[in-house]
Amino acid sequence: MKIIKYTDAEEFYNRVVSFLEEDEAVNNLALGILSSLKKNENAYGKIKPFLAIVENDGNIKLVMIMTPPYNLQILGNVSIEVINFTIDYLIRENIEIPGIIGRKELCEKFVGVWTNKTPIIHKVSMNQRIYKLEKVNKVQDSAGCFKIAEEKDSEILVKWLMEFNKYIGEDTDKDKAERQIINLINKKRAYLWVNEIPVTMVLAGRETKNGIIVSGVYTPEEFRRNGYATSCVAEVSKILLDEGYKFCTLYTDLSNPTSNRIYQKIGYEPIADSIMYNFKKNRR
């Protein structure tokens, strides 16, 4: 068993893409990030990403992706042997890890070993469920109408994206949010539900070979419980499938039963549980 570290994102992508596409919908996050890095190595900042695999007899056992300051993604084998081997390498190479994200079973085993070998405190920052949709169910439209966002909508979308990111514990930098929204508007991947005024936002992006992810579903508190998000997500999902994508995926926060119920009503089916842990050094 050996660990191979890559400095070229395109070379790494070519090495791992077949492995990740064996479970394409579940691995959508990694595939989308690598696709972006392949086109632009600074897509997630100027700090070089950490890209590595654990290999045994030429077979990939584990894939690791980290774009600082974001958490390390781990994908693949859940055996304790592989996890121990990986963690020993990370410690030996003094690779700083702010946390991890991946399938729940794998991450729980990783954290169990990591906390035994390093002086860190771990905390679950989010329990998530990954959903996949291949056909949109008929849902009753709420009051108002759907629209593809335009440049004139950018101010409200930036504000809502920052509020959404704050809720999920992500970066709330305004300049970054503005760049993201303008990019999505230009690609016609930012959407609104409007009832006289905008009431719900939905974003889409991070394409894989056969799918695309729906994200950034946000309705401000004063507009909630009116079915706006259900209507907007259903319409966006239909548009994306009509464009030729075979499926849509999305992540939900398991602590929010309402959103999980809404997505299943539309036709999204759960395919895996994902978890995110944040690490903090124990100063004692």
Foldseek 3Di string as FASTA:
>chain_A
DDKDKDQQLLVLCVLCVVVCVVVCQQSLVVQLVSVQCNVPVCSPHDDGWTWMFDDDPRHTAWTWIGDPPDFIEIDHHQDLVVLVVVLVVCVVVVPDGQWYKHFDSSRVSNVVVNVVPAQKDKDWLFKKFKWKFQDWDDDDDFAFAKDQDAPVCLVVQLVLLLVVCVVSVHDNDSVVSSVVSVVQSVVSFWMFGDRVHTFWIKGKASDHPQEIEIDSTDGPPVRPPRCRSLNHVLVSQVVRVVVPRRMYMYMDGPVDVVVVVSVVNGGIDTDGMMTMMGMDGDPD
